[in-house]
Amino acid sequence: MTSTKLESVREPSARGVFGWWGRSRTFLAQVRNELSRVTWPTRKEVQATTFVVILTSILFGLYLWGIDLVLDRLARALFQAFGV
């Protein structure tokens, strides 16, 4: 694996009023290089993982709703028992 060196950015000629232009071009070239290395998911993979996230969210929501109901009824019973 090779990496792009940033030596040209650190040279004195890259400083000054127009130095930002060279640094910006170098940065954007590196971004483009990294994006070409990314393994993008297929449409089927995105749909499958989206389904898993939605299903998990629903299950956790139902679980927390059930816990909330139990704790609410327990608190109401305690308040009624002690006359508050």
PDB file of N, CA and C in Angstrom:
ATOM      1  N   MET A   1       0.850  -1.169   0.000  1.00  0.00           N
ATOM      2  CA  MET A   1       0.000   0.000   0.000  1.00  0.00           C
ATOM      3  C   MET A   1       0.895   1.231   0.000  1.00  0.00           C
ATOM      4  N   THR A   2       0.671   2.118  -0.941  1.00  0.00           N
ATOM      5  CA  THR A   2       1.462   3.334  -1.015  1.00  0.00           C
ATOM      6  C   THR A   2       0.642   4.505  -0.516  1.00  0.00           C
ATOM      7  N   SER A   3       1.334   5.471   0.010  1.00  0.00           N
ATOM      8  CA  SER A   3       0.644   6.657   0.503  1.00  0.00           C
ATOM      9  C   SER A   3       1.222   7.885  -0.175  1.00  0.00           C
ATOM     10  N   THR A   4       0.393   8.851  -0.395  1.00  0.00           N
ATOM     11  CA  THR A   4       0.814  10.093  -1.018  1.00  0.00           C
ATOM     12  C   THR A   4       1.490  10.963   0.028  1.00  0.00           C
ATOM     13  N   LYS A   5       2.665  11.469  -0.323  1.00  0.00           N
ATOM     14  CA  LYS A   5       3.391  12.314   0.610  1.00  0.00           C
ATOM     15  C   LYS A   5       2.929  13.756   0.463  1.00  0.00           C
ATOM     16  N   LEU A   6       2.929  14.462   1.560  1.00  0.00           N
ATOM     17  CA  LEU A   6       2.512  15.850   1.578  1.00  0.00           C
ATOM     18  C   LEU A   6       3.703  16.803   1.618  1.00  0.00           C
ATOM     19  N   GLU A   7       4.832  16.360   1.107  1.00  0.00           N
ATOM     20  CA  GLU A   7       6.028  17.184   1.177  1.00  0.00           C
ATOM     21  C   GLU A   7       5.845  18.487   0.415  1.00  0.00           C
ATOM     22  N   SER A   8       5.111  18.469  -0.710  1.00  0.00           N
ATOM     23  CA  SER A   8       4.945  19.694  -1.485  1.00  0.00           C
ATOM     24  C   SER A   8       4.139  20.732  -0.718  1.00  0.00           C
ATOM     25  N   VAL A   9       3.285  20.294   0.182  1.00  0.00           N
ATOM     26  CA  VAL A   9       2.479  21.231   0.958  1.00  0.00           C
ATOM     27  C   VAL A   9       3.342  21.929   1.995  1.00  0.00           C
ATOM     28  N   ARG A  10       4.364  21.273   2.467  1.00  0.00           N
ATOM     29  CA  ARG A  10       5.190  21.821   3.539  1.00  0.00           C
ATOM     30  C   ARG A  10       6.364  22.649   3.018  1.00  0.00           C
ATOM     31  N   GLU A  11       6.568  22.677   1.718  1.00  0.00           N
ATOM     32  CA  GLU A  11       7.670  23.453   1.164  1.00  0.00           C
ATOM     33  C   GLU A  11       7.369  24.945   1.278  1.00  0.00           C
ATOM     34  N   PRO A  12       8.391  25.778   1.379  1.00  0.00           N
ATOM     35  CA  PRO A  12       8.173  27.223   1.488  1.00  0.00           C
ATOM     36  C   PRO A  12       7.414  27.798   0.293  1.00  0.00           C
ATOM     37  N   SER A  13       7.558  27.207  -0.898  1.00  0.00           N
ATOM     38  CA  SER A  13       6.877  27.741  -2.077  1.00  0.00           C
ATOM     39  C   SER A  13       5.371  27.554  -2.002  1.00  0.00           C
ATOM     40  N   ALA A  14       4.901  26.654  -1.138  1.00  0.00           N
ATOM     41  CA  ALA A  14       3.467  26.406  -1.009  1.00  0.00           C
ATOM     42  C   ALA A  14       2.809  27.372  -0.038  1.00  0.00           C
ATOM     43  N   ARG A  15       3.593  28.224   0.588  1.00  0.00           N
ATOM     44  CA  ARG A  15       3.051  29.196   1.522  1.00  0.00           C
ATOM     45  C   ARG A  15       2.753  30.497   0.803  1.00  0.00           C
ATOM     46  N   GLY A  16       2.088  31.371   1.474  1.00  0.00           N
ATOM     47  CA  GLY A  16       1.816  32.670   0.891  1.00  0.00           C
ATOM     48  C   GLY A  16       0.353  32.807   0.518  1.00  0.00           C
ATOM     49  N   VAL A  17       0.089  33.832  -0.268  1.00  0.00           N
ATOM     50  CA  VAL A  17      -1.281  34.163  -0.617  1.00  0.00           C
ATOM     51  C   VAL A  17      -1.930  33.055  -1.433  1.00  0.00           C
ATOM     52  N   PHE A  18      -1.214  32.488  -2.396  1.00  0.00           N
ATOM     53  CA  PHE A  18      -1.783  31.470  -3.268  1.00  0.00           C
ATOM     54  C   PHE A  18      -1.431  30.042  -2.842  1.00  0.00           C
ATOM     55  N   GLY A  19      -0.811  29.883  -1.682  1.00  0.00           N
ATOM     56  CA  GLY A  19      -0.456  28.554  -1.189  1.00  0.00           C
ATOM     57  C   GLY A  19      -1.666  27.695  -0.879  1.00  0.00           C
ATOM     58  N   TRP A  20      -2.752  28.360  -0.496  1.00  0.00           N
ATOM     59  CA  TRP A  20      -3.971  27.609  -0.163  1.00  0.00           C
ATOM     60  C   TRP A  20      -4.523  26.906  -1.394  1.00  0.00           C
ATOM     61  N   TRP A  21      -4.304  27.474  -2.575  1.00  0.00           N
ATOM     62  CA  TRP A  21      -4.809  26.861  -3.811  1.00  0.00           C
ATOM     63  C   TRP A  21      -4.120  25.513  -4.048  1.00  0.00           C
ATOM     64  N   GLY A  22      -2.825  25.465  -3.875  1.00  0.00           N
ATOM     65  CA  GLY A  22      -2.080  24.216  -4.059  1.00  0.00           C
ATOM     66  C   GLY A  22      -2.446  23.189  -3.002  1.00  0.00           C
ATOM     67  N   ARG A  23      -2.612  23.659  -1.759  1.00  0.00           N
ATOM     68  CA  ARG A  23      -3.001  22.738  -0.690  1.00  0.00           C
ATOM     69  C   ARG A  23      -4.405  22.196  -0.927  1.00  0.00           C
ATOM     70  N   SER A  24      -5.297  23.052  -1.420  1.00  0.00           N
ATOM     71  CA  SER A  24      -6.668  22.615  -1.698  1.00  0.00           C
ATOM     72  C   SER A  24      -6.691  21.587  -2.816  1.00  0.00           C
ATOM     73  N   ARG A  25      -5.930  21.822  -3.848  1.00  0.00           N
ATOM     74  CA  ARG A  25      -5.873  20.855  -4.961  1.00  0.00           C
ATOM     75  C   ARG A  25      -5.303  19.518  -4.487  1.00  0.00           C
ATOM     76  N   THR A  26      -4.262  19.575  -3.656  1.00  0.00           N
ATOM     77  CA  THR A  26      -3.672  18.342  -3.127  1.00  0.00           C
ATOM     78  C   THR A  26      -4.680  17.595  -2.269  1.00  0.00           C
ATOM     79  N   PHE A  27      -5.379  18.342  -1.415  1.00  0.00           N
ATOM     80  CA  PHE A  27      -6.384  17.723  -0.551  1.00  0.00           C
ATOM     81  C   PHE A  27      -7.486  17.060  -1.375  1.00  0.00           C
ATOM     82  N   LEU A  28      -8.015  17.761  -2.365  1.00  0.00           N
ATOM     83  CA  LEU A  28      -9.090  17.201  -3.186  1.00  0.00           C
ATOM     84  C   LEU A  28      -8.617  16.000  -3.998  1.00  0.00           C
ATOM     85  N   ALA A  29      -7.378  16.009  -4.444  1.00  0.00           N
ATOM     86  CA  ALA A  29      -6.828  14.854  -5.157  1.00  0.00           C
ATOM     87  C   ALA A  29      -6.745  13.650  -4.225  1.00  0.00           C
ATOM     88  N   GLN A  30      -6.346  13.886  -2.990  1.00  0.00           N
ATOM     89  CA  GLN A  30      -6.268  12.798  -2.019  1.00  0.00           C
ATOM     90  C   GLN A  30      -7.646  12.270  -1.661  1.00  0.00           C
ATOM     91  N   VAL A  31      -8.634  13.168  -1.543  1.00  0.00           N
ATOM     92  CA  VAL A  31     -10.007  12.748  -1.268  1.00  0.00           C
ATOM     93  C   VAL A  31     -10.514  11.863  -2.400  1.00  0.00           C
ATOM     94  N   ARG A  32     -10.293  12.287  -3.621  1.00  0.00           N
ATOM     95  CA  ARG A  32     -10.726  11.500  -4.782  1.00  0.00           C
ATOM     96  C   ARG A  32     -10.049  10.128  -4.797  1.00  0.00           C
ATOM     97  N   ASN A  33      -8.767  10.093  -4.459  1.00  0.00           N
ATOM     98  CA  ASN A  33      -8.032   8.833  -4.410  1.00  0.00           C
ATOM     99  C   ASN A  33      -8.616   7.901  -3.355  1.00  0.00           C
ATOM    100  N   GLU A  34      -8.925   8.436  -2.180  1.00  0.00           N
ATOM    101  CA  GLU A  34      -9.497   7.613  -1.109  1.00  0.00           C
ATOM    102  C   GLU A  34     -10.895   7.127  -1.464  1.00  0.00           C
ATOM    103  N   LEU A  35     -11.706   7.980  -2.087  1.00  0.00           N
ATOM    104  CA  LEU A  35     -13.058   7.568  -2.469  1.00  0.00           C
ATOM    105  C   LEU A  35     -13.046   6.462  -3.518  1.00  0.00           C
ATOM    106  N   SER A  36     -12.003   6.420  -4.331  1.00  0.00           N
ATOM    107  CA  SER A  36     -11.921   5.343  -5.322  1.00  0.00           C
ATOM    108  C   SER A  36     -11.596   4.006  -4.663  1.00  0.00           C
ATOM    109  N   ARG A  37     -11.052   4.037  -3.462  1.00  0.00           N
ATOM    110  CA  ARG A  37     -10.710   2.802  -2.742  1.00  0.00           C
ATOM    111  C   ARG A  37     -11.878   2.246  -1.923  1.00  0.00           C
ATOM    112  N   VAL A  38     -12.919   3.045  -1.734  1.00  0.00           N
ATOM    113  CA  VAL A  38     -14.047   2.643  -0.902  1.00  0.00           C
ATOM    114  C   VAL A  38     -14.832   1.528  -1.579  1.00  0.00           C
ATOM    115  N   THR A  39     -15.232   0.546  -0.787  1.00  0.00           N
ATOM    116  CA  THR A  39     -16.104  -0.513  -1.283  1.00  0.00           C
ATOM    117  C   THR A  39     -17.530  -0.105  -0.961  1.00  0.00           C
ATOM    118  N   TRP A  40     -18.255   0.334  -1.982  1.00  0.00           N
ATOM    119  CA  TRP A  40     -19.607   0.810  -1.786  1.00  0.00           C
ATOM    120  C   TRP A  40     -20.568  -0.367  -1.723  1.00  0.00           C
ATOM    121  N   PRO A  41     -21.562  -0.325  -0.828  1.00  0.00           N
ATOM    122  CA  PRO A  41     -22.520  -1.433  -0.727  1.00  0.00           C
ATOM    123  C   PRO A  41     -23.460  -1.437  -1.930  1.00  0.00           C
ATOM    124  N   THR A  42     -23.955  -2.633  -2.229  1.00  0.00           N
ATOM    125  CA  THR A  42     -24.926  -2.747  -3.306  1.00  0.00           C
ATOM    126  C   THR A  42     -26.294  -2.304  -2.807  1.00  0.00           C
ATOM    127  N   ARG A  43     -27.203  -2.107  -3.732  1.00  0.00           N
ATOM    128  CA  ARG A  43     -28.559  -1.687  -3.363  1.00  0.00           C
ATOM    129  C   ARG A  43     -29.218  -2.741  -2.468  1.00  0.00           C
ATOM    130  N   LYS A  44     -28.965  -4.013  -2.767  1.00  0.00           N
ATOM    131  CA  LYS A  44     -29.545  -5.105  -1.981  1.00  0.00           C
ATOM    132  C   LYS A  44     -29.005  -5.097  -0.546  1.00  0.00           C
ATOM    133  N   GLU A  45     -27.710  -4.837  -0.387  1.00  0.00           N
ATOM    134  CA  GLU A  45     -27.114  -4.766   0.947  1.00  0.00           C
ATOM    135  C   GLU A  45     -27.675  -3.593   1.747  1.00  0.00           C
ATOM    136  N   VAL A  46     -27.867  -2.460   1.090  1.00  0.00           N
ATOM    137  CA  VAL A  46     -28.416  -1.285   1.770  1.00  0.00           C
ATOM    138  C   VAL A  46     -29.846  -1.571   2.224  1.00  0.00           C
ATOM    139  N   GLN A  47     -30.643  -2.206   1.368  1.00  0.00           N
ATOM    140  CA  GLN A  47     -32.015  -2.531   1.734  1.00  0.00           C
ATOM    141  C   GLN A  47     -32.047  -3.521   2.899  1.00  0.00           C
ATOM    142  N   ALA A  48     -31.157  -4.512   2.875  1.00  0.00           N
ATOM    143  CA  ALA A  48     -31.130  -5.508   3.945  1.00  0.00           C
ATOM    144  C   ALA A  48     -30.737  -4.873   5.278  1.00  0.00           C
ATOM    145  N   THR A  49     -29.716  -4.050   5.278  1.00  0.00           N
ATOM    146  CA  THR A  49     -29.289  -3.435   6.534  1.00  0.00           C
ATOM    147  C   THR A  49     -30.317  -2.408   7.024  1.00  0.00           C
ATOM    148  N   THR A  50     -30.975  -1.728   6.112  1.00  0.00           N
ATOM    149  CA  THR A  50     -32.036  -0.795   6.500  1.00  0.00           C
ATOM    150  C   THR A  50     -33.174  -1.545   7.166  1.00  0.00           C
ATOM    151  N   PHE A  51     -33.555  -2.695   6.619  1.00  0.00           N
ATOM    152  CA  PHE A  51     -34.600  -3.514   7.213  1.00  0.00           C
ATOM    153  C   PHE A  51     -34.205  -3.954   8.624  1.00  0.00           C
ATOM    154  N   VAL A  52     -32.961  -4.357   8.803  1.00  0.00           N
ATOM    155  CA  VAL A  52     -32.489  -4.793  10.122  1.00  0.00           C
ATOM    156  C   VAL A  52     -32.540  -3.633  11.116  1.00  0.00           C
ATOM    157  N   VAL A  53     -32.139  -2.441  10.692  1.00  0.00           N
ATOM    158  CA  VAL A  53     -32.160  -1.278  11.583  1.00  0.00           C
ATOM    159  C   VAL A  53     -33.591  -0.941  11.984  1.00  0.00           C
ATOM    160  N   ILE A  54     -34.520  -0.944  11.027  1.00  0.00           N
ATOM    161  CA  ILE A  54     -35.912  -0.630  11.333  1.00  0.00           C
ATOM    162  C   ILE A  54     -36.515  -1.673  12.263  1.00  0.00           C
ATOM    163  N   LEU A  55     -36.271  -2.946  11.974  1.00  0.00           N
ATOM    164  CA  LEU A  55     -36.795  -4.021  12.818  1.00  0.00           C
ATOM    165  C   LEU A  55     -36.226  -3.942  14.235  1.00  0.00           C
ATOM    166  N   THR A  56     -34.941  -3.704  14.350  1.00  0.00           N
ATOM    167  CA  THR A  56     -34.310  -3.582  15.671  1.00  0.00           C
ATOM    168  C   THR A  56     -34.875  -2.391  16.437  1.00  0.00           C
ATOM    169  N   SER A  57     -35.088  -1.275  15.745  1.00  0.00           N
ATOM    170  CA  SER A  57     -35.655  -0.085  16.398  1.00  0.00           C
ATOM    171  C   SER A  57     -37.058  -0.370  16.924  1.00  0.00           C
ATOM    172  N   ILE A  58     -37.862  -1.067  16.123  1.00  0.00           N
ATOM    173  CA  ILE A  58     -39.217  -1.412  16.560  1.00  0.00           C
ATOM    174  C   ILE A  58     -39.178  -2.333  17.775  1.00  0.00           C
ATOM    175  N   LEU A  59     -38.307  -3.340  17.737  1.00  0.00           N
ATOM    176  CA  LEU A  59     -38.222  -4.281  18.861  1.00  0.00           C
ATOM    177  C   LEU A  59     -37.756  -3.595  20.145  1.00  0.00           C
ATOM    178  N   PHE A  60     -36.753  -2.734  20.042  1.00  0.00           N
ATOM    179  CA  PHE A  60     -36.295  -2.011  21.233  1.00  0.00           C
ATOM    180  C   PHE A  60     -37.370  -1.051  21.730  1.00  0.00           C
ATOM    181  N   GLY A  61     -38.096  -0.421  20.806  1.00  0.00           N
ATOM    182  CA  GLY A  61     -39.185   0.463  21.209  1.00  0.00           C
ATOM    183  C   GLY A  61     -40.261  -0.280  21.968  1.00  0.00           C
ATOM    184  N   LEU A  62     -40.647  -1.456  21.475  1.00  0.00           N
ATOM    185  CA  LEU A  62     -41.646  -2.269  22.174  1.00  0.00           C
ATOM    186  C   LEU A  62     -41.135  -2.728  23.542  1.00  0.00           C
ATOM    187  N   TYR A  63     -39.883  -3.117  23.600  1.00  0.00           N
ATOM    188  CA  TYR A  63     -39.277  -3.556  24.862  1.00  0.00           C
ATOM    189  C   TYR A  63     -39.299  -2.416  25.891  1.00  0.00           C
ATOM    190  N   LEU A  64     -38.859  -1.238  25.477  1.00  0.00           N
ATOM    191  CA  LEU A  64     -38.829  -0.101  26.400  1.00  0.00           C
ATOM    192  C   LEU A  64     -40.243   0.331  26.789  1.00  0.00           C
ATOM    193  N   TRP A  65     -41.187   0.253  25.857  1.00  0.00           N
ATOM    194  CA  TRP A  65     -42.580   0.562  26.168  1.00  0.00           C
ATOM    195  C   TRP A  65     -43.108  -0.401  27.235  1.00  0.00           C
ATOM    196  N   GLY A  66     -42.775  -1.692  27.099  1.00  0.00           N
ATOM    197  CA  GLY A  66     -43.206  -2.676  28.093  1.00  0.00           C
ATOM    198  C   GLY A  66     -42.593  -2.419  29.456  1.00  0.00           C
ATOM    199  N   ILE A  67     -41.312  -2.104  29.491  1.00  0.00           N
ATOM    200  CA  ILE A  67     -40.641  -1.780  30.756  1.00  0.00           C
ATOM    201  C   ILE A  67     -41.285  -0.545  31.381  1.00  0.00           C
ATOM    202  N   ASP A  68     -41.606   0.447  30.564  1.00  0.00           N
ATOM    203  CA  ASP A  68     -42.246   1.664  31.057  1.00  0.00           C
ATOM    204  C   ASP A  68     -43.611   1.359  31.662  1.00  0.00           C
ATOM    205  N   LEU A  69     -44.387   0.503  31.009  1.00  0.00           N
ATOM    206  CA  LEU A  69     -45.699   0.130  31.546  1.00  0.00           C
ATOM    207  C   LEU A  69     -45.578  -0.561  32.901  1.00  0.00           C
ATOM    208  N   VAL A  70     -44.638  -1.491  32.991  1.00  0.00           N
ATOM    209  CA  VAL A  70     -44.448  -2.224  34.245  1.00  0.00           C
ATOM    210  C   VAL A  70     -44.033  -1.272  35.358  1.00  0.00           C
ATOM    211  N   LEU A  71     -43.068  -0.398  35.088  1.00  0.00           N
ATOM    212  CA  LEU A  71     -42.604   0.535  36.121  1.00  0.00           C
ATOM    213  C   LEU A  71     -43.689   1.536  36.496  1.00  0.00           C
ATOM    214  N   ASP A  72     -44.498   1.967  35.515  1.00  0.00           N
ATOM    215  CA  ASP A  72     -45.594   2.891  35.805  1.00  0.00           C
ATOM    216  C   ASP A  72     -46.617   2.245  36.725  1.00  0.00           C
ATOM    217  N   ARG A  73     -47.000   1.028  36.432  1.00  0.00           N
ATOM    218  CA  ARG A  73     -47.992   0.335  37.277  1.00  0.00           C
ATOM    219  C   ARG A  73     -47.433   0.041  38.663  1.00  0.00           C
ATOM    220  N   LEU A  74     -46.148  -0.284  38.723  1.00  0.00           N
ATOM    221  CA  LEU A  74     -45.508  -0.522  40.015  1.00  0.00           C
ATOM    222  C   LEU A  74     -45.495   0.763  40.847  1.00  0.00           C
ATOM    223  N   ALA A  75     -45.167   1.886  40.217  1.00  0.00           N
ATOM    224  CA  ALA A  75     -45.137   3.158  40.940  1.00  0.00           C
ATOM    225  C   ALA A  75     -46.537   3.553  41.403  1.00  0.00           C
ATOM    226  N   ARG A  76     -47.554   3.351  40.545  1.00  0.00           N
ATOM    227  CA  ARG A  76     -48.936   3.676  40.927  1.00  0.00           C
ATOM    228  C   ARG A  76     -49.393   2.814  42.107  1.00  0.00           C
ATOM    229  N   ALA A  77     -49.015   1.524  42.083  1.00  0.00           N
ATOM    230  CA  ALA A  77     -49.386   0.630  43.181  1.00  0.00           C
ATOM    231  C   ALA A  77     -48.737   1.067  44.487  1.00  0.00           C
ATOM    232  N   LEU A  78     -47.473   1.468  44.407  1.00  0.00           N
ATOM    233  CA  LEU A  78     -46.773   1.938  45.611  1.00  0.00           C
ATOM    234  C   LEU A  78     -47.410   3.221  46.141  1.00  0.00           C
ATOM    235  N   PHE A  79     -47.770   4.141  45.273  1.00  0.00           N
ATOM    236  CA  PHE A  79     -48.389   5.390  45.708  1.00  0.00           C
ATOM    237  C   PHE A  79     -49.757   5.128  46.340  1.00  0.00           C
ATOM    238  N   GLN A  80     -50.522   4.194  45.759  1.00  0.00           N
ATOM    239  CA  GLN A  80     -51.819   3.874  46.331  1.00  0.00           C
ATOM    240  C   GLN A  80     -51.681   3.158  47.669  1.00  0.00           C
ATOM    241  N   ALA A  81     -50.656   2.296  47.793  1.00  0.00           N
ATOM    242  CA  ALA A  81     -50.446   1.564  49.011  1.00  0.00           C
ATOM    243  C   ALA A  81     -50.086   2.479  50.168  1.00  0.00           C
ATOM    244  N   PHE A  82     -49.340   3.531  49.897  1.00  0.00           N
ATOM    245  CA  PHE A  82     -48.911   4.428  50.960  1.00  0.00           C
ATOM    246  C   PHE A  82     -49.720   5.693  51.024  1.00  0.00           C
ATOM    247  N   GLY A  83     -50.795   5.780  50.240  1.00  0.00           N
ATOM    248  CA  GLY A  83     -51.739   6.886  50.351  1.00  0.00           C
ATOM    249  C   GLY A  83     -51.225   8.219  49.887  1.00  0.00           C
ATOM    250  N   VAL A  84     -50.343   8.237  48.931  1.00  0.00           N
ATOM    251  CA  VAL A  84     -49.825   9.516  48.437  1.00  0.00           C
ATOM    252  C   VAL A  84     -50.604   9.941  47.228  1.00  0.00           C
TER     253      VAL A  84
END
